[in-house]
Protein backbone atom coordinates (compact mmCIF):
# COMPACT_ATOMS: atom_id res chain seq x y z
CA MET A 1 0.29 29.98 8.35
CA TYR A 2 1.30 29.66 12.03
CA GLY A 3 -2.23 28.62 12.96
CA LYS A 4 -2.29 25.97 10.23
CA LEU A 5 1.08 24.64 11.35
CA LYS A 6 -0.18 24.37 14.95
CA SER A 7 -3.23 22.46 13.67
CA TYR A 8 -0.96 20.12 11.70
CA ILE A 9 1.19 19.42 14.79
CA ARG A 10 -1.95 18.85 16.90
CA THR A 11 -3.16 16.29 14.33
CA LEU A 12 0.14 14.41 14.58
CA ARG A 13 -0.04 14.41 18.38
CA ASP A 14 -3.55 12.94 18.20
CA ARG A 15 -2.16 10.14 16.07
CA TYR A 16 0.65 9.42 18.53
CA ARG A 17 -1.74 9.17 21.49
CA GLY A 18 -1.76 5.59 22.70
CA CYS A 19 1.46 4.74 20.85
CA GLY A 20 3.71 4.61 23.90
CA ASP A 21 6.64 6.98 24.49
CA TYR A 22 6.82 8.53 21.04
CA GLN A 23 10.29 9.50 19.85
CA PRO A 24 10.96 10.58 16.25
CA SER A 25 13.47 8.49 14.33
CA ASP A 26 16.78 9.88 13.05
CA GLN A 27 15.34 10.11 9.55
CA ALA A 28 12.31 12.00 10.91
CA ARG A 29 14.64 14.53 12.54
CA ARG A 30 16.54 14.91 9.27
CA LEU A 31 13.26 15.46 7.44
CA GLU A 32 12.19 18.12 9.93
CA PHE A 33 15.49 19.97 9.49
CA LEU A 34 15.20 19.85 5.68
CA LEU A 35 11.63 21.17 5.60
CA ASN A 36 12.22 23.86 8.22
CA SER A 37 15.24 25.15 6.29
CA ALA A 38 13.35 25.41 2.97
CA GLU A 39 12.92 28.89 1.54
CA THR A 40 10.44 27.67 -1.09
CA LEU A 41 8.79 24.25 -0.93
CA VAL A 42 6.72 22.34 -3.49
CA ASP A 43 4.64 19.35 -2.37
CA LEU A 44 4.54 16.82 -5.22
CA GLY A 45 1.48 14.62 -4.86
CA CYS A 46 -0.07 16.78 -2.15
CA GLY A 47 -3.55 15.25 -2.11
CA THR A 48 -5.99 17.13 0.11
CA ASN A 49 -3.39 18.00 2.74
CA PRO A 50 -0.32 19.85 1.39
CA HIS A 51 2.54 20.31 3.81
CA PRO A 52 1.97 23.51 5.86
CA ARG A 53 5.22 25.06 4.58
CA ALA A 54 4.43 24.41 0.90
CA SER A 55 3.93 27.39 -1.38
CA CYS A 56 2.62 25.11 -4.14
CA GLY A 57 0.97 21.69 -4.23
CA VAL A 58 0.78 19.35 -7.23
CA ASP A 59 -1.37 16.29 -7.80
CA ALA A 60 -2.51 14.34 -10.86
CA PHE A 61 -5.65 12.95 -9.19
CA ILE A 62 -8.45 15.25 -8.10
CA GLU A 63 -10.67 12.33 -7.09
CA PRO A 64 -9.49 9.90 -4.36
CA THR A 65 -8.54 7.21 -6.87
CA HIS A 66 -5.22 6.66 -5.11
CA ARG A 67 -6.10 7.88 -1.61
CA GLN A 68 -7.73 6.11 1.33
CA LEU A 69 -8.68 3.12 -0.79
CA GLY A 70 -10.81 5.35 -3.00
CA HIS A 71 -12.95 6.68 -0.14
CA GLY A 72 -11.11 9.91 0.63
CA GLU A 73 -12.07 13.49 -0.15
CA THR A 74 -11.95 15.16 -3.55
CA ILE A 75 -9.27 17.84 -3.84
CA LYS A 76 -10.86 21.28 -3.65
CA PRO A 77 -8.10 23.77 -4.59
CA ALA A 78 -9.88 26.72 -2.96
CA THR A 79 -9.69 25.03 0.45
CA LEU A 80 -5.95 24.28 0.37
CA ASN A 81 -3.36 26.35 2.20
CA CYS A 82 -1.27 26.92 -0.94
CA GLU A 83 -1.49 27.30 -4.71
CA PHE A 84 -2.63 24.07 -6.39
CA ILE A 85 -1.64 22.81 -9.84
CA ARG A 86 -2.98 19.65 -11.42
CA ALA A 87 -0.10 17.96 -13.23
CA ASP A 88 1.66 14.66 -13.71
CA LEU A 89 4.96 14.33 -11.84
CA SER A 90 6.72 13.32 -15.06
CA SER A 91 5.87 16.69 -16.65
CA LEU A 92 5.91 19.56 -14.18
CA PRO A 93 4.96 23.10 -15.30
CA PHE A 94 7.77 24.85 -13.41
CA ALA A 95 10.99 26.61 -14.31
CA ASP A 96 14.37 25.00 -13.65
CA LYS A 97 15.33 25.22 -9.94
CA GLN A 98 12.19 27.21 -9.15
CA PHE A 99 12.03 25.68 -5.65
CA ASP A 100 14.54 25.26 -2.89
CA VAL A 101 13.03 21.94 -1.75
CA ALA A 102 10.74 19.36 -3.38
CA TYR A 103 8.81 17.12 -0.98
CA SER A 104 6.91 14.00 -1.99
CA HIS A 105 5.12 11.88 0.61
CA HIS A 106 3.78 8.43 -0.32
CA VAL A 107 3.49 9.27 -4.03
CA PHE A 108 6.38 7.74 -5.99
CA GLU A 109 5.13 4.21 -5.37
CA HIS A 110 2.15 5.18 -7.58
CA VAL A 111 3.87 6.74 -10.59
CA PRO A 112 4.14 4.69 -13.81
CA ASP A 113 7.50 6.20 -14.77
CA PRO A 114 9.59 6.91 -11.65
CA ARG A 115 12.71 7.76 -13.68
CA SER A 116 10.91 10.64 -15.41
CA ALA A 117 9.41 11.79 -12.12
CA CYS A 118 12.86 11.77 -10.48
CA ARG A 119 14.29 13.74 -13.41
CA GLU A 120 11.54 16.35 -13.15
CA MET A 121 11.90 16.59 -9.39
CA THR A 122 15.61 17.42 -9.68
CA ARG A 123 14.94 19.84 -12.52
CA VAL A 124 12.51 22.02 -10.56
CA ALA A 125 14.23 21.92 -7.15
CA ARG A 126 17.72 22.06 -5.67
CA ARG A 127 17.21 19.33 -3.11
CA GLY A 128 14.44 17.26 -1.67
CA VAL A 129 13.08 14.05 -0.23
CA ILE A 130 11.07 11.10 -1.54
CA ILE A 131 9.06 9.21 1.11
CA THR A 132 7.34 5.91 0.34
CA PRO A 133 6.22 2.82 2.22
CA SER A 134 9.14 0.53 2.99
CA PRO A 135 9.20 -2.86 1.22
CA PHE A 136 7.99 -4.42 4.49
CA ALA A 137 5.05 -2.01 4.76
CA GLU A 138 4.20 -2.52 1.09
CA ILE A 139 3.97 -6.27 1.52
CA ALA A 140 2.31 -6.18 4.95
CA PHE A 141 -0.41 -3.64 4.13
CA GLY A 142 -0.51 -3.55 0.33
CA ARG A 143 -2.41 -1.27 -1.99
CA GLU A 144 -3.32 -2.49 -5.47
CA TYR A 145 -2.63 0.93 -6.98
CA HIS A 146 0.98 0.90 -5.68
CA LEU A 147 3.20 -0.16 -8.55
CA TRP A 148 6.59 -0.30 -6.84
CA MET A 149 8.44 -1.41 -3.76
CA VAL A 150 10.97 1.32 -3.02
CA PHE A 151 14.24 1.21 -1.09
CA HIS A 152 17.59 2.96 -1.15
CA ARG A 153 21.24 2.19 -0.56
CA GLY A 154 23.68 5.06 -0.26
CA LYS A 155 22.79 7.71 -2.82
CA THR A 156 20.76 5.37 -5.07
CA ILE A 157 17.00 4.84 -4.92
CA PHE A 158 15.60 1.57 -6.29
CA PHE A 159 12.13 0.97 -7.69
CA LEU A 160 11.24 -2.73 -7.80
CA ARG A 161 8.04 -3.40 -9.72
CA LYS A 162 5.51 -5.35 -7.69
CA ARG A 163 4.43 -8.79 -8.84
CA LYS A 164 0.92 -10.14 -8.49
CA GLU A 165 1.98 -12.30 -5.54
CA ASP A 166 3.38 -9.24 -3.75
CA ASP A 167 -0.01 -7.54 -3.63
CA ARG A 168 -1.93 -7.98 -0.34
CA PRO A 169 -0.66 -11.46 0.57
CA PHE A 170 -2.08 -11.09 4.11
CA GLY A 171 -5.64 -10.40 3.03
CA ALA A 172 -8.02 -7.89 1.51
CA HIS A 173 -8.60 -4.28 2.47
CA PRO A 174 -11.22 -3.54 5.13
CA ALA A 175 -14.74 -3.12 3.78
CA PHE A 176 -16.19 0.39 3.56
CA SER A 177 -19.93 1.01 3.82
CA ASN A 178 -22.20 3.71 5.23
CA GLY A 179 -19.23 5.96 5.87
CA SER A 180 -17.26 3.55 8.05
CA TRP A 181 -14.76 0.68 7.83
CA ARG A 182 -15.37 -2.85 9.04
CA ALA A 183 -13.43 -6.09 9.09
CA LEU A 184 -14.48 -9.22 7.23
CA SER A 185 -13.05 -12.71 7.56
CA SER A 186 -10.82 -11.89 4.57
CA THR A 187 -9.51 -8.59 5.96
CA ASN A 188 -5.74 -8.10 6.12
CA ALA A 189 -4.56 -8.80 9.67
CA PHE A 190 -1.98 -5.99 9.46
CA ASP A 191 -4.70 -3.42 8.72
CA ILE A 192 -6.56 -4.64 11.82
CA LEU A 193 -3.34 -4.58 13.84
CA LEU A 194 -2.33 -1.04 12.86
CA ASN A 195 -5.93 0.12 13.31
CA ASP A 196 -5.11 3.53 11.87
CA GLY A 197 -7.91 5.90 12.83
CA SER A 198 -9.18 3.46 15.51
CA TRP A 199 -11.82 2.05 13.19
CA TYR A 200 -11.60 -1.54 14.48
CA HIS A 201 -13.11 -2.51 17.85
CA GLY A 202 -13.04 -6.30 17.70
CA LEU A 203 -11.55 -8.71 20.23
CA GLU A 204 -8.46 -9.48 18.13
CA ARG A 205 -6.83 -6.05 18.57
CA MET A 206 -3.72 -7.23 20.49
CA ARG A 207 -3.19 -3.87 22.13
CA ARG A 208 0.50 -4.26 23.02
CA LEU A 209 1.44 -5.18 19.47
CA GLU A 210 -0.83 -2.42 18.13
CA THR A 211 1.04 0.11 20.28
CA LYS A 212 4.38 -1.13 18.95
CA ILE A 213 3.41 -1.04 15.30
CA LYS A 214 1.81 2.41 15.63
CA HIS A 215 4.97 3.67 17.30
CA LEU A 216 7.03 2.41 14.34
CA TRP A 217 4.55 3.86 11.83
CA TYR A 218 4.18 7.34 13.29
CA SER A 219 7.81 7.80 14.30
CA ARG A 220 8.74 7.44 10.61
CA SER A 221 10.78 4.35 11.35
CA PRO A 222 12.86 2.96 8.44
CA ILE A 223 11.00 -0.30 9.09
CA MET A 224 7.83 1.37 7.85
CA GLU A 225 9.03 4.11 5.49
CA THR A 226 11.70 4.54 2.86
CA MET A 227 13.02 8.09 3.07
CA TYR A 228 15.44 9.14 0.32
CA PHE A 229 17.16 12.51 0.64
CA TRP A 230 18.87 14.04 -2.38
CA GLU A 231 20.70 17.18 -3.38
CA GLY A 232 21.60 18.14 -6.94
CA ASP A 233 20.59 14.88 -8.61
CA ILE A 234 18.94 11.50 -8.02
CA ARG A 235 20.52 8.15 -8.79
CA CYS A 236 17.52 6.07 -9.83
CA VAL A 237 17.44 2.36 -10.70
CA VAL A 238 14.24 0.72 -11.95
CA ILE A 239 13.91 -3.08 -11.80
CA GLU A 240 11.06 -4.56 -13.84
CA GLU A 241 9.07 -7.67 -12.99
CA ASP A 242 11.14 -9.75 -15.42
CA GLY A 243 14.40 -8.59 -13.80
CA LYS A 244 15.28 -6.06 -16.49
CA ILE A 245 17.18 -3.11 -15.02
CA HIS A 246 17.13 0.41 -16.40
């Protein structure tokens, strides 16, 4: 486990390289404290990379339908660092309070029924965290399979259903062919600007602004990520496209 954790930290450092003087945000420090203090941790929506401290990972999608624009790896349970269970977040196959902490990273913006997922999360764990793109990041970058813009105020988390006009207003996703990404005239300028993975090598990179936006992204800035911490229960409000609240 220690070796895998070192590898995970090394991966993060590689991401930060070229992002200026990286300093984690206050919410990133709070997240680190929560995860390090967990006796048992479940990663809800783990994909192909469960958190190194997780004893169990859960995902509904084996294929990369909702990961890396459909071009990611297939989940291979035997290669993961923890037990893997395929399940929907609205119906988890665990006992009440089986885990100390439930962790969910960039998953709840996908789920059709966030209220049920929140209820199940609090049933199986004592405390936890929900991390999603911030409303700004959702509008700037956009993914058609994201159903919600997510934000929180105080102890309440809000799920605002995306409208058609909210989806990718700054352009299309980069094109993927022959195992690599490339920009077209229609490509979202924010995807080019972030340049996550250093896939773009064109003249329009704007390096100073790229450094700033990467710093915000990788430091887990509230500008880029909504991070909702809970203990005991979750106050969840869902706002539909027509304004109906439930």
